[in-house]
Amino acid sequence: GIGIYISAAHRRKGIAKDAIRMAKAFAYNQLHIHQLYAFVALTNTVSLKLFKDLGFVQAGILKDWIKISQNHYESVSVLQCLYTD
């Protein structure tokens, strides 16, 4: 699995995109991992676009996966990226 957090002061500088690219390359080339996955909240459209731009595709949705408050849950997209030669 892969996840990333960039503090607000450093967003929109390409840091996340570069970090995910490097993590993918390391996972595939050094660790010989066949696939990576990420859970991204459906409301986090910026992160969904980021992962999709980097080759991840939606593999499913986990409903009510993240507890936001006492009676409120948020669903997430399960994104998957398979290694291809």
C-alpha atoms as a PDB file:
ATOM      1  CA  GLY A   1       0.000   0.000   0.000  1.00  0.00           C
ATOM      2  CA  ILE A   2       1.048   3.565  -0.574  1.00  0.00           C
ATOM      3  CA  GLY A   3      -0.122   6.822   0.933  1.00  0.00           C
ATOM      4  CA  ILE A   4       1.145  10.349   1.069  1.00  0.00           C
ATOM      5  CA  TYR A   5       0.581  13.521   3.046  1.00  0.00           C
ATOM      6  CA  ILE A   6       1.959  16.919   2.070  1.00  0.00           C
ATOM      7  CA  SER A   7       1.483  19.815   4.504  1.00  0.00           C
ATOM      8  CA  ALA A   8      -0.614  22.698   3.195  1.00  0.00           C
ATOM      9  CA  ALA A   9       2.378  25.015   2.870  1.00  0.00           C
ATOM     10  CA  HIS A  10       4.090  22.653   0.414  1.00  0.00           C
ATOM     11  CA  ARG A  11       1.189  21.524  -1.771  1.00  0.00           C
ATOM     12  CA  ARG A  12       0.917  22.232  -5.511  1.00  0.00           C
ATOM     13  CA  LYS A  13       4.705  22.022  -5.985  1.00  0.00           C
ATOM     14  CA  GLY A  14       4.871  18.540  -7.523  1.00  0.00           C
ATOM     15  CA  ILE A  15       6.306  16.991  -4.363  1.00  0.00           C
ATOM     16  CA  ALA A  16       3.593  14.329  -4.061  1.00  0.00           C
ATOM     17  CA  LYS A  17       3.815  13.389  -7.730  1.00  0.00           C
ATOM     18  CA  ASP A  18       7.605  13.030  -7.544  1.00  0.00           C
ATOM     19  CA  ALA A  19       7.430  11.041  -4.301  1.00  0.00           C
ATOM     20  CA  ILE A  20       4.866   8.598  -5.674  1.00  0.00           C
ATOM     21  CA  ARG A  21       6.845   8.163  -8.892  1.00  0.00           C
ATOM     22  CA  MET A  22       9.988   7.378  -6.884  1.00  0.00           C
ATOM     23  CA  ALA A  23       8.121   4.997  -4.562  1.00  0.00           C
ATOM     24  CA  LYS A  24       6.630   3.168  -7.546  1.00  0.00           C
ATOM     25  CA  ALA A  25      10.030   2.826  -9.218  1.00  0.00           C
ATOM     26  CA  PHE A  26      11.620   1.534  -6.017  1.00  0.00           C
ATOM     27  CA  ALA A  27       8.765  -0.894  -5.319  1.00  0.00           C
ATOM     28  CA  TYR A  28       8.819  -2.311  -8.832  1.00  0.00           C
ATOM     29  CA  ASN A  29      12.533  -2.242  -9.646  1.00  0.00           C
ATOM     30  CA  GLN A  30      14.161  -2.967  -6.284  1.00  0.00           C
ATOM     31  CA  LEU A  31      11.510  -4.861  -4.328  1.00  0.00           C
ATOM     32  CA  HIS A  32       9.991  -6.577  -7.384  1.00  0.00           C
ATOM     33  CA  ILE A  33       6.473  -5.820  -6.175  1.00  0.00           C
ATOM     34  CA  HIS A  34       3.822  -6.561  -8.786  1.00  0.00           C
ATOM     35  CA  GLN A  35       1.233  -4.028  -7.672  1.00  0.00           C
ATOM     36  CA  LEU A  36       0.542  -1.090  -5.372  1.00  0.00           C
ATOM     37  CA  TYR A  37      -2.730   0.116  -3.916  1.00  0.00           C
ATOM     38  CA  ALA A  38      -4.011   3.230  -2.186  1.00  0.00           C
ATOM     39  CA  PHE A  39      -7.156   4.138  -0.279  1.00  0.00           C
ATOM     40  CA  VAL A  40      -8.355   7.667  -1.100  1.00  0.00           C
ATOM     41  CA  ALA A  41     -11.471   9.326   0.303  1.00  0.00           C
ATOM     42  CA  LEU A  42     -14.054   9.885  -2.424  1.00  0.00           C
ATOM     43  CA  THR A  43     -14.263  13.549  -1.401  1.00  0.00           C
ATOM     44  CA  ASN A  44     -10.510  14.034  -1.923  1.00  0.00           C
ATOM     45  CA  THR A  45     -10.727  14.821  -5.625  1.00  0.00           C
ATOM     46  CA  VAL A  46      -7.204  16.271  -5.781  1.00  0.00           C
ATOM     47  CA  SER A  47      -5.620  13.039  -4.502  1.00  0.00           C
ATOM     48  CA  LEU A  48      -7.862  10.892  -6.684  1.00  0.00           C
ATOM     49  CA  LYS A  49      -6.681  12.824  -9.740  1.00  0.00           C
ATOM     50  CA  LEU A  50      -3.044  12.606  -8.609  1.00  0.00           C
ATOM     51  CA  PHE A  51      -3.097   8.830  -8.280  1.00  0.00           C
ATOM     52  CA  LYS A  52      -5.055   8.346 -11.506  1.00  0.00           C
ATOM     53  CA  ASP A  53      -2.587  10.594 -13.370  1.00  0.00           C
ATOM     54  CA  LEU A  54       0.179   8.279 -12.123  1.00  0.00           C
ATOM     55  CA  GLY A  55      -1.393   5.120 -13.511  1.00  0.00           C
ATOM     56  CA  PHE A  56      -3.629   4.000 -10.654  1.00  0.00           C
ATOM     57  CA  VAL A  57      -7.135   2.818 -11.545  1.00  0.00           C
ATOM     58  CA  GLN A  58     -10.172   2.417  -9.343  1.00  0.00           C
ATOM     59  CA  ALA A  59     -10.510  -1.197  -8.270  1.00  0.00           C
ATOM     60  CA  GLY A  60     -13.452  -0.710  -5.927  1.00  0.00           C
ATOM     61  CA  ILE A  61     -15.140   1.412  -3.280  1.00  0.00           C
ATOM     62  CA  LEU A  62     -15.186   0.706   0.438  1.00  0.00           C
ATOM     63  CA  LYS A  63     -18.366   2.212   1.830  1.00  0.00           C
ATOM     64  CA  ASP A  64     -18.286   3.967   5.226  1.00  0.00           C
ATOM     65  CA  TRP A  65     -14.591   3.122   5.622  1.00  0.00           C
ATOM     66  CA  ILE A  66     -13.337   6.186   7.526  1.00  0.00           C
ATOM     67  CA  LYS A  67     -15.088   7.327  10.702  1.00  0.00           C
ATOM     68  CA  ILE A  68     -15.388  11.125  10.550  1.00  0.00           C
ATOM     69  CA  SER A  69     -17.526  11.702  13.644  1.00  0.00           C
ATOM     70  CA  GLN A  70     -19.855   9.788  15.976  1.00  0.00           C
ATOM     71  CA  ASN A  71     -22.436   9.044  13.272  1.00  0.00           C
ATOM     72  CA  HIS A  72     -20.667   9.982  10.060  1.00  0.00           C
ATOM     73  CA  TYR A  73     -18.458   7.786   7.893  1.00  0.00           C
ATOM     74  CA  GLU A  74     -16.741   8.449   4.592  1.00  0.00           C
ATOM     75  CA  SER A  75     -16.288   6.030   1.704  1.00  0.00           C
ATOM     76  CA  VAL A  76     -12.949   5.489  -0.026  1.00  0.00           C
ATOM     77  CA  SER A  77     -11.831   4.514  -3.480  1.00  0.00           C
ATOM     78  CA  VAL A  78      -9.440   1.583  -3.665  1.00  0.00           C
ATOM     79  CA  LEU A  79      -6.907   2.467  -6.353  1.00  0.00           C
ATOM     80  CA  GLN A  80      -4.557  -0.095  -7.852  1.00  0.00           C
ATOM     81  CA  CYS A  81      -1.474   0.144 -10.023  1.00  0.00           C
ATOM     82  CA  LEU A  82      -0.073  -3.006 -11.623  1.00  0.00           C
ATOM     83  CA  TYR A  83       3.540  -3.253 -12.751  1.00  0.00           C
ATOM     84  CA  THR A  84       3.900  -3.644 -16.492  1.00  0.00           C
ATOM     85  CA  ASP A  85       7.164  -4.031 -18.405  1.00  0.00           C
END
